[in-house]
Protein backbone atom coordinates (compact mmCIF):
# COMPACT_ATOMS: atom_id res chain seq x y z
CA MET A 1 -61.09 -71.30 70.40
CA ASN A 2 -64.23 -73.16 71.70
CA ASP A 3 -63.09 -75.22 74.86
CA LYS A 4 -65.74 -77.67 74.22
CA THR A 5 -64.14 -78.78 71.27
CA ARG A 6 -62.80 -82.27 72.04
CA ILE A 7 -60.03 -84.29 70.21
CA LEU A 8 -58.83 -87.41 71.08
CA VAL A 9 -55.07 -88.53 70.36
CA VAL A 10 -54.42 -92.49 69.78
CA ASP A 11 -50.86 -93.29 69.33
CA ASP A 12 -48.67 -96.00 71.00
CA GLU A 13 -45.85 -93.54 71.60
CA GLU A 14 -46.94 -91.89 75.09
CA THR A 15 -44.38 -89.09 74.79
CA LEU A 16 -45.72 -88.20 71.46
CA CYS A 17 -49.16 -88.41 73.00
CA GLU A 18 -48.05 -86.13 75.53
CA ALA A 19 -46.55 -83.59 73.41
CA LEU A 20 -49.92 -83.42 71.26
CA ARG A 21 -51.75 -83.18 74.25
CA PHE A 22 -49.61 -80.24 75.63
CA ASN A 23 -49.60 -78.22 72.39
CA LEU A 24 -53.32 -78.97 71.53
CA GLU A 25 -54.68 -78.10 74.81
CA ALA A 26 -52.44 -74.68 74.51
CA GLU A 27 -54.56 -73.77 71.44
CA GLY A 28 -57.65 -73.91 73.63
CA TYR A 29 -58.83 -77.51 72.76
CA ALA A 30 -59.79 -80.34 75.39
CA VAL A 31 -57.78 -83.04 74.78
CA ASP A 32 -57.79 -87.07 75.53
CA THR A 33 -55.06 -89.76 74.66
CA ALA A 34 -55.26 -93.34 74.21
CA LEU A 35 -52.05 -95.56 73.75
CA SER A 36 -54.02 -98.34 71.47
CA ALA A 37 -56.84 -98.77 69.41
CA GLU A 38 -58.38 -101.62 72.01
CA GLU A 39 -58.18 -98.55 74.60
CA ALA A 40 -59.90 -95.78 72.42
CA LEU A 41 -62.64 -98.23 71.96
CA THR A 42 -63.63 -98.35 75.58
CA MET A 43 -64.11 -94.55 75.60
CA ASP A 44 -67.19 -92.48 74.53
CA LEU A 45 -65.83 -91.51 71.06
CA SER A 46 -69.22 -90.14 70.22
CA ALA A 47 -68.06 -87.50 72.43
CA TYR A 48 -65.21 -86.07 70.13
CA SER A 49 -65.04 -83.51 67.40
CA LEU A 50 -61.86 -84.93 66.03
CA ILE A 51 -59.49 -87.99 66.49
CA LEU A 52 -55.64 -87.85 65.35
CA LEU A 53 -55.00 -91.68 64.77
CA ASP A 54 -51.95 -93.41 64.29
CA ILE A 55 -51.93 -96.14 61.81
CA MET A 56 -48.88 -98.86 63.15
CA MET A 57 -50.21 -99.89 66.59
CA GLY A 58 -50.79 -103.18 68.45
CA SER A 59 -53.59 -105.66 67.56
CA ILE A 60 -55.83 -103.41 66.06
CA SER A 61 -54.27 -100.60 63.45
CA GLY A 62 -55.41 -97.40 63.06
CA ILE A 63 -56.96 -98.33 59.69
CA GLN A 64 -59.02 -101.18 61.52
CA LEU A 65 -60.09 -98.59 64.28
CA ALA A 66 -61.07 -95.93 61.20
CA ALA A 67 -62.88 -98.30 59.57
CA ILE A 68 -64.93 -99.55 63.03
CA LEU A 69 -65.99 -95.70 63.37
CA LYS A 70 -66.93 -95.16 60.15
CA LYS A 71 -69.40 -98.04 60.52
CA LYS A 72 -71.49 -96.81 63.36
CA ASP A 73 -73.79 -94.03 63.12
CA THR A 74 -72.60 -92.38 66.25
CA THR A 75 -69.02 -92.05 65.18
CA ALA A 76 -69.13 -92.18 61.18
CA ARG A 77 -69.51 -88.11 61.10
CA ILE A 78 -66.23 -87.76 63.46
CA PRO A 79 -63.28 -86.51 61.43
CA ILE A 80 -60.10 -88.39 61.38
CA ILE A 81 -56.61 -87.22 60.79
CA PHE A 82 -53.78 -89.85 60.25
CA CYS A 83 -50.52 -89.22 61.95
CA THR A 84 -48.17 -92.27 61.01
CA ALA A 85 -44.51 -92.81 59.95
CA LYS A 86 -45.86 -94.82 56.74
CA ASP A 87 -45.61 -92.75 54.15
CA THR A 88 -46.15 -94.73 50.91
CA GLU A 89 -48.69 -93.73 48.47
CA ASP A 90 -50.67 -96.91 49.00
CA ASP A 91 -51.26 -96.40 53.08
CA MET A 92 -52.37 -92.87 52.11
CA ILE A 93 -55.13 -94.33 49.83
CA VAL A 94 -56.39 -97.06 51.91
CA GLY A 95 -56.70 -94.27 54.69
CA LEU A 96 -58.44 -91.64 52.52
CA ASP A 97 -60.79 -94.25 50.93
CA ILE A 98 -61.86 -95.39 54.47
CA GLY A 99 -62.84 -91.84 54.92
CA ALA A 100 -59.92 -89.87 56.99
CA ASP A 101 -59.81 -86.31 56.48
CA ASP A 102 -56.09 -85.51 56.15
CA TYR A 103 -53.09 -87.71 56.38
CA ILE A 104 -49.86 -86.61 58.11
CA THR A 105 -46.74 -88.28 58.08
CA LYS A 106 -43.81 -88.62 60.77
CA PRO A 107 -41.81 -86.85 61.62
CA TYR A 108 -43.67 -83.84 61.46
CA SER A 109 -43.79 -80.33 63.19
CA ILE A 110 -46.35 -79.50 65.79
CA ARG A 111 -46.93 -76.42 64.10
CA ASN A 112 -47.98 -78.49 60.81
CA VAL A 113 -50.63 -80.70 62.78
CA LEU A 114 -51.99 -77.70 64.29
CA ALA A 115 -52.82 -75.93 61.03
CA ARG A 116 -54.30 -79.41 59.93
CA VAL A 117 -56.52 -79.72 62.89
CA ARG A 118 -57.82 -76.14 62.28
CA THR A 119 -58.25 -76.77 58.81
CA VAL A 120 -60.34 -80.14 59.59
CA LEU A 121 -62.18 -78.68 61.92
CA ARG A 122 -63.18 -75.74 60.15
CA ARG A 123 -63.89 -77.57 56.89
CA THR A 124 -66.42 -80.51 58.99
CA ALA A 125 -67.74 -78.16 61.44
CA ILE A 126 -71.19 -78.77 60.37
CA ASN A 127 -70.81 -82.62 60.62
CA VAL A 128 -69.79 -82.70 64.31
CA GLU A 129 -72.67 -81.60 65.43
CA PRO A 130 -74.82 -83.98 67.41
CA LEU A 131 -77.43 -85.34 64.96
CA SER A 132 -80.86 -87.24 66.11
CA MET A 133 -80.34 -90.62 64.15
CA ASN A 134 -84.33 -90.82 64.34
CA ALA A 135 -84.61 -87.12 62.99
CA PRO A 136 -86.17 -86.83 59.30
CA VAL A 137 -83.73 -85.49 56.83
CA THR A 138 -85.31 -83.36 53.96
CA PHE A 139 -84.08 -81.90 50.78
CA GLN A 140 -86.49 -79.97 48.72
CA GLY A 141 -89.42 -82.64 47.90
CA ILE A 142 -87.43 -85.50 49.30
CA SER A 143 -88.40 -86.54 53.07
CA VAL A 144 -86.79 -89.43 54.74
CA PHE A 145 -88.07 -90.41 57.97
CA PRO A 146 -85.37 -93.14 59.86
CA GLU A 147 -87.80 -94.22 62.69
CA ARG A 148 -90.49 -94.88 60.37
CA LYS A 149 -88.09 -96.33 57.65
CA LEU A 150 -90.29 -94.34 55.23
CA CYS A 151 -89.44 -92.15 52.01
CA THR A 152 -91.49 -90.03 50.36
CA VAL A 153 -91.15 -87.86 46.98
CA ASN A 154 -93.28 -84.74 46.57
CA GLY A 155 -95.51 -86.28 49.16
CA LYS A 156 -95.89 -89.48 47.81
CA GLU A 157 -94.26 -92.82 49.50
CA VAL A 158 -91.27 -94.49 47.54
CA LYS A 159 -90.96 -98.07 48.63
CA MET A 160 -87.48 -99.21 48.67
CA PRO A 161 -85.65 -102.27 49.86
CA ARG A 162 -83.42 -101.62 53.29
CA LYS A 163 -79.88 -101.09 51.75
CA GLU A 164 -81.45 -98.75 49.07
CA PHE A 165 -82.91 -96.58 51.82
CA GLU A 166 -79.96 -96.70 54.14
CA LEU A 167 -77.80 -95.49 51.07
CA LEU A 168 -79.98 -92.63 50.38
CA LEU A 169 -80.22 -91.56 54.07
CA MET A 170 -76.49 -91.76 54.47
CA LEU A 171 -76.19 -89.34 51.18
CA LEU A 172 -78.71 -86.92 52.35
CA ARG A 173 -76.94 -86.81 55.78
CA ASN A 174 -73.69 -86.22 53.86
CA PRO A 175 -74.51 -83.39 51.16
CA GLY A 176 -71.70 -82.55 48.81
CA ARG A 177 -69.48 -85.80 50.41
CA VAL A 178 -68.38 -87.96 47.93
CA PHE A 179 -68.28 -91.70 49.12
CA SER A 180 -66.08 -94.46 47.54
CA ARG A 181 -67.37 -97.57 46.59
CA ASP A 182 -65.71 -98.91 49.38
CA GLU A 183 -66.82 -96.99 51.67
CA ILE A 184 -70.09 -97.51 50.77
CA LEU A 185 -69.54 -101.16 51.11
CA GLN A 186 -68.11 -100.89 54.53
CA ARG A 187 -70.76 -98.63 55.70
CA ILE A 188 -74.14 -100.14 54.43
CA TRP A 189 -72.86 -103.98 53.89
CA PRO A 190 -70.86 -104.14 56.93
CA GLU A 191 -72.05 -107.71 57.64
CA ASP A 192 -71.58 -109.21 54.20
CA VAL A 193 -68.62 -110.95 53.68
CA ILE A 194 -68.29 -110.71 49.84
CA VAL A 195 -70.00 -108.09 48.32
CA LEU A 196 -68.71 -106.22 44.64
CA GLY A 197 -68.53 -102.94 43.88
CA ARG A 198 -71.05 -103.47 41.09
CA VAL A 199 -73.71 -103.93 43.83
CA VAL A 200 -73.04 -100.36 44.95
CA ASP A 201 -73.47 -98.94 41.20
CA VAL A 202 -76.78 -101.11 40.79
CA ASN A 203 -78.33 -99.66 43.79
CA ILE A 204 -77.32 -96.03 43.32
CA THR A 205 -79.03 -96.59 39.37
CA ARG A 206 -82.29 -97.66 41.37
CA LEU A 207 -82.36 -94.67 43.61
CA ARG A 208 -81.99 -92.35 40.84
CA SER A 209 -84.77 -93.92 39.15
CA LYS A 210 -86.97 -93.83 41.99
CA LEU A 211 -86.14 -90.25 42.89
CA GLY A 212 -87.32 -88.65 39.87
CA GLU A 213 -86.40 -85.41 39.23
CA TYR A 214 -84.34 -85.55 42.45
CA GLY A 215 -82.13 -88.70 40.94
CA LYS A 216 -79.75 -85.93 39.09
CA ASN A 217 -78.53 -84.88 42.42
CA ILE A 218 -77.02 -88.27 43.04
CA VAL A 219 -73.61 -87.39 41.29
CA THR A 220 -71.07 -89.83 40.41
CA ARG A 221 -67.46 -88.53 40.53
CA PRO A 222 -65.31 -90.66 38.12
CA GLY A 223 -62.32 -92.30 40.00
CA TYR A 224 -63.91 -91.45 43.28
CA GLY A 225 -67.45 -92.36 43.99
CA TYR A 226 -70.74 -91.13 44.54
CA GLY A 227 -72.36 -88.15 46.61
CA PHE A 228 -75.71 -86.13 47.00
CA LYS A 229 -75.16 -82.35 45.65
CA VAL A 230 -77.56 -79.65 46.91
């Protein structure tokens, strides 16, 4: 196991944190723990390849912490596994809609946790590699230059408002991943108090039109959301 693979366990049960740390370290991972979301937010979260996160904690819940992480470019790509005693379907849907990669209910076996960790790290390995936020992102004839706030299609500049630009950049940086409307709203319109899901649909339609022949690469997954197909 790559000893540079770092995992953070966030849970207000200290005994459980230490048990997970012991077993994960036995598998070859480097493991840190935090007993609250507040403590986790004081850490360099961008350094982790995976976060195991409890939902029911203190002032800041695991759901709220996950939403904070997914809004920041430096931590948005880090996979999250929720470990929680809450096992209703609604809790699972909320967690997955935010962008969690898996969901384990307590009580659980350590063996099950280790298997889930291996699976998520293997599936998301491409997404945990460091990525310069200013590095150009390209796909065939599409080129997006974050630092210059410029998009070109087949060599010609395509003008678009800031939100459209950010939406396109997010999709291109995560090829194959499907984002729900709620997740897109949280990432692209975090400062707006009230934004309807219809706003996402309108911006997707505009992007498809502006990308010409590549518009078809922005795909709709009914009941799930939108993604960029490569």
